[in-house]
Amino acid sequence: MHLYYLKQGTIEANPHHLVNLIHYEDAASLSVAILKKKLKNRLFLGCDNHPVSRQEIMDLVAKSGKFDPTFMGFTGTDGPLGKKLDNSKTREELGWEPKYKSFAHFLGVAS
C-alpha cells in the first residue's frame, strides 16, 4: 500500500481511514498454520492487531527514511473510516503469532 501511495504522489482519499495490515509473510505463515490443523469450513482473521490510518502509514514510511519522500499527501475528506480488527481468537486457537508485530516494527521504527 505504501509503495502505491509513494508512486502516486497524491491520493484522493481520507487520510483518517483505518487500515488493518498483515505482512505477506505473516499471511502465508497463518495459512500454513490453518492447513496444518486440518480445519475445514472455518474462517480465520489475519491482521497484526495494530490498525493504522492511511496518514499514519505514510508518517511511518517518512520516519523510516527507507524511501524517497515523493508522497505529497491525501486530498480526500469523505468516506468510511474503517474498522479496528482484532484476531486474538485466531492467534489463540492456532497458536500463531505474526513475525511482524506491526507496520512500525516491519519498518524498524517501533518505539
PDB file of N, CA and C in Angstrom:
ATOM      1  N   MET A   1       0.820  -1.173   0.000  1.00  0.00           N
ATOM      2  CA  MET A   1       0.000   0.000   0.000  1.00  0.00           C
ATOM      3  C   MET A   1       0.878   1.256   0.000  1.00  0.00           C
ATOM      4  N   HIS A   2       1.871   1.290   0.887  1.00  0.00           N
ATOM      5  CA  HIS A   2       2.730   2.468   0.973  1.00  0.00           C
ATOM      6  C   HIS A   2       3.509   2.694  -0.314  1.00  0.00           C
ATOM      7  N   LEU A   3       3.886   1.602  -0.981  1.00  0.00           N
ATOM      8  CA  LEU A   3       4.605   1.754  -2.247  1.00  0.00           C
ATOM      9  C   LEU A   3       3.688   2.350  -3.319  1.00  0.00           C
ATOM     10  N   TYR A   4       2.434   1.944  -3.316  1.00  0.00           N
ATOM     11  CA  TYR A   4       1.465   2.515  -4.250  1.00  0.00           C
ATOM     12  C   TYR A   4       1.287   4.004  -3.976  1.00  0.00           C
ATOM     13  N   TYR A   5       1.126   4.366  -2.710  1.00  0.00           N
ATOM     14  CA  TYR A   5       0.959   5.782  -2.353  1.00  0.00           C
ATOM     15  C   TYR A   5       2.169   6.601  -2.795  1.00  0.00           C
ATOM     16  N   LEU A   6       3.364   6.075  -2.553  1.00  0.00           N
ATOM     17  CA  LEU A   6       4.575   6.785  -2.963  1.00  0.00           C
ATOM     18  C   LEU A   6       4.612   6.992  -4.469  1.00  0.00           C
ATOM     19  N   LYS A   7       4.220   5.971  -5.198  1.00  0.00           N
ATOM     20  CA  LYS A   7       4.242   6.042  -6.657  1.00  0.00           C
ATOM     21  C   LYS A   7       3.237   7.067  -7.181  1.00  0.00           C
ATOM     22  N   GLN A   8       2.075   7.162  -6.537  1.00  0.00           N
ATOM     23  CA  GLN A   8       1.029   8.078  -6.993  1.00  0.00           C
ATOM     24  C   GLN A   8       1.337   9.529  -6.647  1.00  0.00           C
ATOM     25  N   GLY A   9       1.997   9.757  -5.531  1.00  0.00           N
ATOM     26  CA  GLY A   9       2.325  11.119  -5.120  1.00  0.00           C
ATOM     27  C   GLY A   9       1.229  11.787  -4.329  1.00  0.00           C
ATOM     28  N   THR A  10       0.030  11.844  -4.879  1.00  0.00           N
ATOM     29  CA  THR A  10      -1.130  12.407  -4.202  1.00  0.00           C
ATOM     30  C   THR A  10      -2.281  11.413  -4.336  1.00  0.00           C
ATOM     31  N   ILE A  11      -2.998  11.207  -3.241  1.00  0.00           N
ATOM     32  CA  ILE A  11      -4.100  10.254  -3.234  1.00  0.00           C
ATOM     33  C   ILE A  11      -5.380  10.975  -2.823  1.00  0.00           C
ATOM     34  N   GLU A  12      -6.427  10.815  -3.626  1.00  0.00           N
ATOM     35  CA  GLU A  12      -7.720  11.399  -3.284  1.00  0.00           C
ATOM     36  C   GLU A  12      -8.470  10.417  -2.391  1.00  0.00           C
ATOM     37  N   ALA A  13      -8.117  10.432  -1.111  1.00  0.00           N
ATOM     38  CA  ALA A  13      -8.719   9.537  -0.125  1.00  0.00           C
ATOM     39  C   ALA A  13      -8.610  10.192   1.246  1.00  0.00           C
ATOM     40  N   ASN A  14      -9.470   9.763   2.148  1.00  0.00           N
ATOM     41  CA  ASN A  14      -9.469  10.295   3.508  1.00  0.00           C
ATOM     42  C   ASN A  14      -8.237   9.767   4.253  1.00  0.00           C
ATOM     43  N   PRO A  15      -7.382  10.637   4.769  1.00  0.00           N
ATOM     44  CA  PRO A  15      -6.174  10.194   5.461  1.00  0.00           C
ATOM     45  C   PRO A  15      -6.458   9.513   6.799  1.00  0.00           C
ATOM     46  N   HIS A  16      -7.670   9.675   7.329  1.00  0.00           N
ATOM     47  CA  HIS A  16      -8.012   9.122   8.642  1.00  0.00           C
ATOM     48  C   HIS A  16      -8.623   7.726   8.569  1.00  0.00           C
ATOM     49  N   HIS A  17      -8.802   7.221   7.341  1.00  0.00           N
ATOM     50  CA  HIS A  17      -9.358   5.876   7.162  1.00  0.00           C
ATOM     51  C   HIS A  17      -8.414   4.853   7.781  1.00  0.00           C
ATOM     52  N   LEU A  18      -8.953   3.942   8.599  1.00  0.00           N
ATOM     53  CA  LEU A  18      -8.140   2.918   9.246  1.00  0.00           C
ATOM     54  C   LEU A  18      -7.887   1.743   8.311  1.00  0.00           C
ATOM     55  N   VAL A  19      -6.675   1.206   8.399  1.00  0.00           N
ATOM     56  CA  VAL A  19      -6.275   0.055   7.597  1.00  0.00           C
ATOM     57  C   VAL A  19      -5.742  -1.006   8.556  1.00  0.00           C
ATOM     58  N   ASN A  20      -6.236  -2.226   8.393  1.00  0.00           N
ATOM     59  CA  ASN A  20      -5.758  -3.361   9.184  1.00  0.00           C
ATOM     60  C   ASN A  20      -4.773  -4.121   8.309  1.00  0.00           C
ATOM     61  N   LEU A  21      -3.539  -4.192   8.750  1.00  0.00           N
ATOM     62  CA  LEU A  21      -2.464  -4.733   7.923  1.00  0.00           C
ATOM     63  C   LEU A  21      -2.012  -6.107   8.386  1.00  0.00           C
ATOM     64  N   ILE A  22      -1.420  -6.836   7.450  1.00  0.00           N
ATOM     65  CA  ILE A  22      -0.693  -8.071   7.748  1.00  0.00           C
ATOM     66  C   ILE A  22       0.374  -8.198   6.665  1.00  0.00           C
ATOM     67  N   HIS A  23       1.585  -8.512   7.057  1.00  0.00           N
ATOM     68  CA  HIS A  23       2.678  -8.691   6.106  1.00  0.00           C
ATOM     69  C   HIS A  23       2.417  -9.972   5.314  1.00  0.00           C
ATOM     70  N   TYR A  24       2.840  -9.997   4.066  1.00  0.00           N
ATOM     71  CA  TYR A  24       2.565 -11.170   3.235  1.00  0.00           C
ATOM     72  C   TYR A  24       3.212 -12.428   3.799  1.00  0.00           C
ATOM     73  N   GLU A  25       4.366 -12.327   4.454  1.00  0.00           N
ATOM     74  CA  GLU A  25       4.985 -13.498   5.085  1.00  0.00           C
ATOM     75  C   GLU A  25       4.119 -14.008   6.227  1.00  0.00           C
ATOM     76  N   ASP A  26       3.533 -13.069   6.982  1.00  0.00           N
ATOM     77  CA  ASP A  26       2.663 -13.462   8.084  1.00  0.00           C
ATOM     78  C   ASP A  26       1.367 -14.079   7.574  1.00  0.00           C
ATOM     79  N   ALA A  27       0.836 -13.560   6.483  1.00  0.00           N
ATOM     80  CA  ALA A  27      -0.369 -14.144   5.884  1.00  0.00           C
ATOM     81  C   ALA A  27      -0.080 -15.581   5.434  1.00  0.00           C
ATOM     82  N   ALA A  28       1.096 -15.791   4.870  1.00  0.00           N
ATOM     83  CA  ALA A  28       1.478 -17.132   4.430  1.00  0.00           C
ATOM     84  C   ALA A  28       1.643 -18.071   5.617  1.00  0.00           C
ATOM     85  N   SER A  29       2.302 -17.612   6.676  1.00  0.00           N
ATOM     86  CA  SER A  29       2.504 -18.484   7.842  1.00  0.00           C
ATOM     87  C   SER A  29       1.174 -18.777   8.547  1.00  0.00           C
ATOM     88  N   LEU A  30       0.250 -17.834   8.529  1.00  0.00           N
ATOM     89  CA  LEU A  30      -1.080 -18.069   9.085  1.00  0.00           C
ATOM     90  C   LEU A  30      -1.801 -19.135   8.268  1.00  0.00           C
ATOM     91  N   SER A  31      -1.703 -19.052   6.964  1.00  0.00           N
ATOM     92  CA  SER A  31      -2.328 -20.056   6.090  1.00  0.00           C
ATOM     93  C   SER A  31      -1.764 -21.444   6.355  1.00  0.00           C
ATOM     94  N   VAL A  32      -0.469 -21.530   6.534  1.00  0.00           N
ATOM     95  CA  VAL A  32       0.172 -22.820   6.823  1.00  0.00           C
ATOM     96  C   VAL A  32      -0.301 -23.354   8.170  1.00  0.00           C
ATOM     97  N   ALA A  33      -0.410 -22.484   9.164  1.00  0.00           N
ATOM     98  CA  ALA A  33      -0.891 -22.907  10.489  1.00  0.00           C
ATOM     99  C   ALA A  33      -2.305 -23.473  10.399  1.00  0.00           C
ATOM    100  N   ILE A  34      -3.151 -22.853   9.603  1.00  0.00           N
ATOM    101  CA  ILE A  34      -4.525 -23.336   9.418  1.00  0.00           C
ATOM    102  C   ILE A  34      -4.515 -24.694   8.720  1.00  0.00           C
ATOM    103  N   LEU A  35      -3.700 -24.810   7.663  1.00  0.00           N
ATOM    104  CA  LEU A  35      -3.627 -26.077   6.925  1.00  0.00           C
ATOM    105  C   LEU A  35      -3.098 -27.218   7.792  1.00  0.00           C
ATOM    106  N   LYS A  36      -2.120 -26.922   8.631  1.00  0.00           N
ATOM    107  CA  LYS A  36      -1.545 -27.957   9.500  1.00  0.00           C
ATOM    108  C   LYS A  36      -2.562 -28.476  10.508  1.00  0.00           C
ATOM    109  N   LYS A  37      -3.475 -27.625  10.942  1.00  0.00           N
ATOM    110  CA  LYS A  37      -4.511 -28.039  11.899  1.00  0.00           C
ATOM    111  C   LYS A  37      -5.642 -28.798  11.210  1.00  0.00           C
ATOM    112  N   LYS A  38      -5.625 -28.813   9.872  1.00  0.00           N
ATOM    113  CA  LYS A  38      -6.639 -29.507   9.078  1.00  0.00           C
ATOM    114  C   LYS A  38      -8.052 -29.058   9.441  1.00  0.00           C
ATOM    115  N   LEU A  39      -8.200 -27.752   9.605  1.00  0.00           N
ATOM    116  CA  LEU A  39      -9.503 -27.188   9.943  1.00  0.00           C
ATOM    117  C   LEU A  39     -10.269 -26.879   8.658  1.00  0.00           C
ATOM    118  N   LYS A  40     -11.483 -27.344   8.582  1.00  0.00           N
ATOM    119  CA  LYS A  40     -12.293 -27.139   7.383  1.00  0.00           C
ATOM    120  C   LYS A  40     -13.541 -26.340   7.730  1.00  0.00           C
ATOM    121  N   ASN A  41     -14.041 -25.617   6.723  1.00  0.00           N
ATOM    122  CA  ASN A  41     -15.271 -24.840   6.872  1.00  0.00           C
ATOM    123  C   ASN A  41     -15.213 -23.858   8.030  1.00  0.00           C
ATOM    124  N   ARG A  42     -14.073 -23.234   8.196  1.00  0.00           N
ATOM    125  CA  ARG A  42     -13.877 -22.253   9.264  1.00  0.00           C
ATOM    126  C   ARG A  42     -13.308 -20.978   8.664  1.00  0.00           C
ATOM    127  N   LEU A  43     -13.556 -19.860   9.296  1.00  0.00           N
ATOM    128  CA  LEU A  43     -12.988 -18.585   8.891  1.00  0.00           C
ATOM    129  C   LEU A  43     -12.043 -18.096   9.976  1.00  0.00           C
ATOM    130  N   PHE A  44     -10.894 -17.602   9.551  1.00  0.00           N
ATOM    131  CA  PHE A  44      -9.920 -17.040  10.478  1.00  0.00           C
ATOM    132  C   PHE A  44      -9.526 -15.656   9.987  1.00  0.00           C
ATOM    133  N   LEU A  45      -9.304 -14.769  10.915  1.00  0.00           N
ATOM    134  CA  LEU A  45      -8.948 -13.399  10.587  1.00  0.00           C
ATOM    135  C   LEU A  45      -7.442 -13.208  10.698  1.00  0.00           C
ATOM    136  N   GLY A  46      -6.853 -12.641   9.667  1.00  0.00           N
ATOM    137  CA  GLY A  46      -5.427 -12.347   9.676  1.00  0.00           C
ATOM    138  C   GLY A  46      -5.187 -10.853   9.690  1.00  0.00           C
ATOM    139  N   CYS A  47      -4.542 -10.369  10.727  1.00  0.00           N
ATOM    140  CA  CYS A  47      -4.143  -8.965  10.825  1.00  0.00           C
ATOM    141  C   CYS A  47      -3.065  -8.856  11.902  1.00  0.00           C
ATOM    142  N   ASP A  48      -2.436  -7.682  12.014  1.00  0.00           N
ATOM    143  CA  ASP A  48      -1.371  -7.534  13.019  1.00  0.00           C
ATOM    144  C   ASP A  48      -1.877  -6.949  14.340  1.00  0.00           C
ATOM    145  N   ASN A  49      -3.176  -6.684  14.441  1.00  0.00           N
ATOM    146  CA  ASN A  49      -3.803  -6.121  15.654  1.00  0.00           C
ATOM    147  C   ASN A  49      -3.363  -4.692  15.957  1.00  0.00           C
ATOM    148  N   HIS A  50      -2.799  -4.005  14.980  1.00  0.00           N
ATOM    149  CA  HIS A  50      -2.388  -2.610  15.150  1.00  0.00           C
ATOM    150  C   HIS A  50      -2.886  -1.787  13.961  1.00  0.00           C
ATOM    151  N   PRO A  51      -4.214  -1.551  13.896  1.00  0.00           N
ATOM    152  CA  PRO A  51      -4.721  -0.762  12.770  1.00  0.00           C
ATOM    153  C   PRO A  51      -4.132   0.641  12.780  1.00  0.00           C
ATOM    154  N   VAL A  52      -3.848   1.139  11.601  1.00  0.00           N
ATOM    155  CA  VAL A  52      -3.276   2.481  11.453  1.00  0.00           C
ATOM    156  C   VAL A  52      -4.053   3.228  10.373  1.00  0.00           C
ATOM    157  N   SER A  53      -4.051   4.530  10.464  1.00  0.00           N
ATOM    158  CA  SER A  53      -4.700   5.330   9.428  1.00  0.00           C
ATOM    159  C   SER A  53      -3.770   5.410   8.218  1.00  0.00           C
ATOM    160  N   ARG A  54      -4.338   5.793   7.104  1.00  0.00           N
ATOM    161  CA  ARG A  54      -3.519   5.985   5.906  1.00  0.00           C
ATOM    162  C   ARG A  54      -2.409   6.995   6.183  1.00  0.00           C
ATOM    163  N   GLN A  55      -2.752   8.059   6.904  1.00  0.00           N
ATOM    164  CA  GLN A  55      -1.753   9.082   7.204  1.00  0.00           C
ATOM    165  C   GLN A  55      -0.656   8.531   8.107  1.00  0.00           C
ATOM    166  N   GLU A  56      -1.037   7.729   9.101  1.00  0.00           N
ATOM    167  CA  GLU A  56      -0.032   7.126   9.979  1.00  0.00           C
ATOM    168  C   GLU A  56       0.910   6.219   9.197  1.00  0.00           C
ATOM    169  N   ILE A  57       0.383   5.501   8.215  1.00  0.00           N
ATOM    170  CA  ILE A  57       1.234   4.657   7.370  1.00  0.00           C
ATOM    171  C   ILE A  57       2.309   5.503   6.715  1.00  0.00           C
ATOM    172  N   MET A  58       1.888   6.606   6.108  1.00  0.00           N
ATOM    173  CA  MET A  58       2.854   7.427   5.382  1.00  0.00           C
ATOM    174  C   MET A  58       3.783   8.185   6.330  1.00  0.00           C
ATOM    175  N   ASP A  59       3.307   8.523   7.520  1.00  0.00           N
ATOM    176  CA  ASP A  59       4.187   9.144   8.522  1.00  0.00           C
ATOM    177  C   ASP A  59       5.276   8.165   8.949  1.00  0.00           C
ATOM    178  N   LEU A  60       4.922   6.900   9.127  1.00  0.00           N
ATOM    179  CA  LEU A  60       5.906   5.878   9.489  1.00  0.00           C
ATOM    180  C   LEU A  60       6.897   5.645   8.353  1.00  0.00           C
ATOM    181  N   VAL A  61       6.397   5.643   7.123  1.00  0.00           N
ATOM    182  CA  VAL A  61       7.281   5.493   5.953  1.00  0.00           C
ATOM    183  C   VAL A  61       8.295   6.630   5.926  1.00  0.00           C
ATOM    184  N   ALA A  62       7.827   7.854   6.147  1.00  0.00           N
ATOM    185  CA  ALA A  62       8.736   9.012   6.150  1.00  0.00           C
ATOM    186  C   ALA A  62       9.749   8.899   7.288  1.00  0.00           C
ATOM    187  N   LYS A  63       9.273   8.477   8.451  1.00  0.00           N
ATOM    188  CA  LYS A  63      10.143   8.336   9.629  1.00  0.00           C
ATOM    189  C   LYS A  63      11.237   7.286   9.406  1.00  0.00           C
ATOM    190  N   SER A  64      10.914   6.259   8.627  1.00  0.00           N
ATOM    191  CA  SER A  64      11.872   5.176   8.404  1.00  0.00           C
ATOM    192  C   SER A  64      13.087   5.634   7.603  1.00  0.00           C
ATOM    193  N   GLY A  65      12.905   6.618   6.719  1.00  0.00           N
ATOM    194  CA  GLY A  65      13.999   7.082   5.883  1.00  0.00           C
ATOM    195  C   GLY A  65      14.414   6.091   4.813  1.00  0.00           C
ATOM    196  N   LYS A  66      13.611   5.048   4.595  1.00  0.00           N
ATOM    197  CA  LYS A  66      13.954   3.993   3.642  1.00  0.00           C
ATOM    198  C   LYS A  66      13.447   4.253   2.228  1.00  0.00           C
ATOM    199  N   PHE A  67      12.665   5.307   2.053  1.00  0.00           N
ATOM    200  CA  PHE A  67      12.046   5.571   0.765  1.00  0.00           C
ATOM    201  C   PHE A  67      12.236   7.031   0.396  1.00  0.00           C
ATOM    202  N   ASP A  68      12.235   7.305  -0.905  1.00  0.00           N
ATOM    203  CA  ASP A  68      12.296   8.693  -1.357  1.00  0.00           C
ATOM    204  C   ASP A  68      11.025   9.412  -0.920  1.00  0.00           C
ATOM    205  N   PRO A  69      11.154  10.589  -0.362  1.00  0.00           N
ATOM    206  CA  PRO A  69       9.980  11.317   0.141  1.00  0.00           C
ATOM    207  C   PRO A  69       9.184  11.984  -0.984  1.00  0.00           C
ATOM    208  N   THR A  70       8.591  11.174  -1.857  1.00  0.00           N
ATOM    209  CA  THR A  70       7.866  11.705  -3.002  1.00  0.00           C
ATOM    210  C   THR A  70       6.375  11.858  -2.750  1.00  0.00           C
ATOM    211  N   PHE A  71       5.888  11.389  -1.620  1.00  0.00           N
ATOM    212  CA  PHE A  71       4.453  11.440  -1.343  1.00  0.00           C
ATOM    213  C   PHE A  71       4.048  12.852  -0.943  1.00  0.00           C
ATOM    214  N   MET A  72       3.036  13.363  -1.622  1.00  0.00           N
ATOM    215  CA  MET A  72       2.580  14.736  -1.380  1.00  0.00           C
ATOM    216  C   MET A  72       1.438  14.804  -0.375  1.00  0.00           C
ATOM    217  N   GLY A  73       0.617  13.754  -0.271  1.00  0.00           N
ATOM    218  CA  GLY A  73      -0.442  13.758   0.722  1.00  0.00           C
ATOM    219  C   GLY A  73      -1.777  13.252   0.205  1.00  0.00           C
ATOM    220  N   PHE A  74      -2.746  13.277   1.097  1.00  0.00           N
ATOM    221  CA  PHE A  74      -4.111  12.856   0.807  1.00  0.00           C
ATOM    222  C   PHE A  74      -4.972  14.093   0.620  1.00  0.00           C
ATOM    223  N   THR A  75      -5.907  14.024  -0.317  1.00  0.00           N
ATOM    224  CA  THR A  75      -6.747  15.186  -0.597  1.00  0.00           C
ATOM    225  C   THR A  75      -8.216  14.937  -0.270  1.00  0.00           C
ATOM    226  N   GLY A  76      -8.596  13.730   0.059  1.00  0.00           N
ATOM    227  CA  GLY A  76      -9.998  13.426   0.334  1.00  0.00           C
ATOM    228  C   GLY A  76     -10.395  13.698   1.771  1.00  0.00           C
ATOM    229  N   THR A  77     -11.695  13.859   1.985  1.00  0.00           N
ATOM    230  CA  THR A  77     -12.224  14.073   3.336  1.00  0.00           C
ATOM    231  C   THR A  77     -13.431  13.194   3.616  1.00  0.00           C
ATOM    232  N   ASP A  78     -13.992  12.567   2.594  1.00  0.00           N
ATOM    233  CA  ASP A  78     -15.207  11.774   2.750  1.00  0.00           C
ATOM    234  C   ASP A  78     -14.895  10.290   2.805  1.00  0.00           C
ATOM    235  N   GLY A  79     -15.926   9.538   3.088  1.00  0.00           N
ATOM    236  CA  GLY A  79     -15.817   8.085   3.063  1.00  0.00           C
ATOM    237  C   GLY A  79     -15.787   7.491   4.451  1.00  0.00           C
ATOM    238  N   PRO A  80     -15.977   6.182   4.515  1.00  0.00           N
ATOM    239  CA  PRO A  80     -15.972   5.498   5.812  1.00  0.00           C
ATOM    240  C   PRO A  80     -14.580   5.538   6.443  1.00  0.00           C
ATOM    241  N   LEU A  81     -14.560   5.430   7.755  1.00  0.00           N
ATOM    242  CA  LEU A  81     -13.280   5.484   8.466  1.00  0.00           C
ATOM    243  C   LEU A  81     -12.706   4.104   8.770  1.00  0.00           C
ATOM    244  N   GLY A  82     -13.378   3.053   8.347  1.00  0.00           N
ATOM    245  CA  GLY A  82     -12.860   1.712   8.548  1.00  0.00           C
ATOM    246  C   GLY A  82     -13.155   1.172   9.928  1.00  0.00           C
ATOM    247  N   LYS A  83     -12.643  -0.023  10.202  1.00  0.00           N
ATOM    248  CA  LYS A  83     -12.877  -0.704  11.468  1.00  0.00           C
ATOM    249  C   LYS A  83     -11.553  -1.150  12.071  1.00  0.00           C
ATOM    250  N   LYS A  84     -11.522  -1.212  13.380  1.00  0.00           N
ATOM    251  CA  LYS A  84     -10.371  -1.783  14.078  1.00  0.00           C
ATOM    252  C   LYS A  84     -10.640  -3.267  14.265  1.00  0.00           C
ATOM    253  N   LEU A  85      -9.807  -4.088  13.649  1.00  0.00           N
ATOM    254  CA  LEU A  85      -9.972  -5.531  13.753  1.00  0.00           C
ATOM    255  C   LEU A  85      -8.977  -6.118  14.739  1.00  0.00           C
ATOM    256  N   ASP A  86      -9.355  -7.240  15.324  1.00  0.00           N
ATOM    257  CA  ASP A  86      -8.519  -7.932  16.304  1.00  0.00           C
ATOM    258  C   ASP A  86      -8.625  -9.426  16.021  1.00  0.00           C
ATOM    259  N   ASN A  87      -7.507 -10.092  15.901  1.00  0.00           N
ATOM    260  CA  ASN A  87      -7.547 -11.529  15.624  1.00  0.00           C
ATOM    261  C   ASN A  87      -6.990 -12.358  16.779  1.00  0.00           C
ATOM    262  N   SER A  88      -7.214 -11.901  17.997  1.00  0.00           N
ATOM    263  CA  SER A  88      -6.734 -12.632  19.175  1.00  0.00           C
ATOM    264  C   SER A  88      -7.297 -14.049  19.246  1.00  0.00           C
ATOM    265  N   LYS A  89      -8.551 -14.239  18.846  1.00  0.00           N
ATOM    266  CA  LYS A  89      -9.141 -15.588  18.876  1.00  0.00           C
ATOM    267  C   LYS A  89      -8.436 -16.501  17.887  1.00  0.00           C
ATOM    268  N   THR A  90      -8.125 -15.985  16.712  1.00  0.00           N
ATOM    269  CA  THR A  90      -7.384 -16.770  15.717  1.00  0.00           C
ATOM    270  C   THR A  90      -6.023 -17.158  16.269  1.00  0.00           C
ATOM    271  N   ARG A  91      -5.328 -16.196  16.848  1.00  0.00           N
ATOM    272  CA  ARG A  91      -3.993 -16.471  17.389  1.00  0.00           C
ATOM    273  C   ARG A  91      -4.037 -17.534  18.488  1.00  0.00           C
ATOM    274  N   GLU A  92      -5.019 -17.393  19.373  1.00  0.00           N
ATOM    275  CA  GLU A  92      -5.144 -18.331  20.492  1.00  0.00           C
ATOM    276  C   GLU A  92      -5.464 -19.742  19.997  1.00  0.00           C
ATOM    277  N   GLU A  93      -6.434 -19.851  19.098  1.00  0.00           N
ATOM    278  CA  GLU A  93      -6.843 -21.166  18.618  1.00  0.00           C
ATOM    279  C   GLU A  93      -5.747 -21.871  17.830  1.00  0.00           C
ATOM    280  N   LEU A  94      -4.988 -21.119  17.047  1.00  0.00           N
ATOM    281  CA  LEU A  94      -3.966 -21.728  16.200  1.00  0.00           C
ATOM    282  C   LEU A  94      -2.577 -21.738  16.818  1.00  0.00           C
ATOM    283  N   GLY A  95      -2.384 -20.995  17.908  1.00  0.00           N
ATOM    284  CA  GLY A  95      -1.049 -20.885  18.471  1.00  0.00           C
ATOM    285  C   GLY A  95      -0.108 -20.153  17.537  1.00  0.00           C
ATOM    286  N   TRP A  96      -0.641 -19.164  16.841  1.00  0.00           N
ATOM    287  CA  TRP A  96       0.101 -18.432  15.815  1.00  0.00           C
ATOM    288  C   TRP A  96       0.339 -16.995  16.246  1.00  0.00           C
ATOM    289  N   GLU A  97       1.495 -16.467  15.911  1.00  0.00           N
ATOM    290  CA  GLU A  97       1.824 -15.059  16.111  1.00  0.00           C
ATOM    291  C   GLU A  97       2.528 -14.553  14.857  1.00  0.00           C
ATOM    292  N   PRO A  98       2.282 -13.309  14.480  1.00  0.00           N
ATOM    293  CA  PRO A  98       2.958 -12.772  13.306  1.00  0.00           C
ATOM    294  C   PRO A  98       4.434 -12.473  13.578  1.00  0.00           C
ATOM    295  N   LYS A  99       5.245 -12.590  12.573  1.00  0.00           N
ATOM    296  CA  LYS A  99       6.662 -12.225  12.661  1.00  0.00           C
ATOM    297  C   LYS A  99       6.793 -10.710  12.848  1.00  0.00           C
ATOM    298  N   TYR A 100       5.965  -9.969  12.118  1.00  0.00           N
ATOM    299  CA  TYR A 100       5.978  -8.506  12.189  1.00  0.00           C
ATOM    300  C   TYR A 100       4.800  -8.056  13.039  1.00  0.00           C
ATOM    301  N   LYS A 101       5.088  -7.585  14.247  1.00  0.00           N
ATOM    302  CA  LYS A 101       4.037  -7.227  15.202  1.00  0.00           C
ATOM    303  C   LYS A 101       3.197  -6.044  14.752  1.00  0.00           C
ATOM    304  N   SER A 102       3.755  -5.201  13.909  1.00  0.00           N
ATOM    305  CA  SER A 102       3.035  -4.025  13.418  1.00  0.00           C
ATOM    306  C   SER A 102       3.779  -3.497  12.189  1.00  0.00           C
ATOM    307  N   PHE A 103       3.142  -2.550  11.504  1.00  0.00           N
ATOM    308  CA  PHE A 103       3.798  -1.920  10.358  1.00  0.00           C
ATOM    309  C   PHE A 103       5.046  -1.173  10.815  1.00  0.00           C
ATOM    310  N   ALA A 104       4.969  -0.543  11.984  1.00  0.00           N
ATOM    311  CA  ALA A 104       6.129   0.170  12.534  1.00  0.00           C
ATOM    312  C   ALA A 104       7.289  -0.797  12.801  1.00  0.00           C
ATOM    313  N   HIS A 105       6.989  -1.989  13.314  1.00  0.00           N
ATOM    314  CA  HIS A 105       8.044  -2.995  13.526  1.00  0.00           C
ATOM    315  C   HIS A 105       8.645  -3.429  12.201  1.00  0.00           C
ATOM    316  N   PHE A 106       7.807  -3.627  11.194  1.00  0.00           N
ATOM    317  CA  PHE A 106       8.300  -4.006   9.875  1.00  0.00           C
ATOM    318  C   PHE A 106       9.281  -2.970   9.336  1.00  0.00           C
ATOM    319  N   LEU A 107       8.955  -1.684   9.522  1.00  0.00           N
ATOM    320  CA  LEU A 107       9.828  -0.608   9.026  1.00  0.00           C
ATOM    321  C   LEU A 107      11.019  -0.345   9.947  1.00  0.00           C
ATOM    322  N   GLY A 108      11.001  -0.927  11.136  1.00  0.00           N
ATOM    323  CA  GLY A 108      12.097  -0.708  12.080  1.00  0.00           C
ATOM    324  C   GLY A 108      12.028   0.611  12.806  1.00  0.00           C
ATOM    325  N   VAL A 109      10.819   1.173  12.952  1.00  0.00           N
ATOM    326  CA  VAL A 109      10.668   2.461  13.626  1.00  0.00           C
ATOM    327  C   VAL A 109       9.780   2.367  14.871  1.00  0.00           C
ATOM    328  N   ALA A 110       9.510   1.137  15.331  1.00  0.00           N
ATOM    329  CA  ALA A 110       8.672   0.973  16.523  1.00  0.00           C
ATOM    330  C   ALA A 110       9.434   1.436  17.748  1.00  0.00           C
ATOM    331  N   SER A 111       8.695   2.052  18.640  1.00  0.00           N
ATOM    332  CA  SER A 111       9.367   2.531  19.882  1.00  0.00           C
ATOM    333  C   SER A 111       9.185   1.565  21.007  1.00  0.00           C
TER     334      SER A 111
END
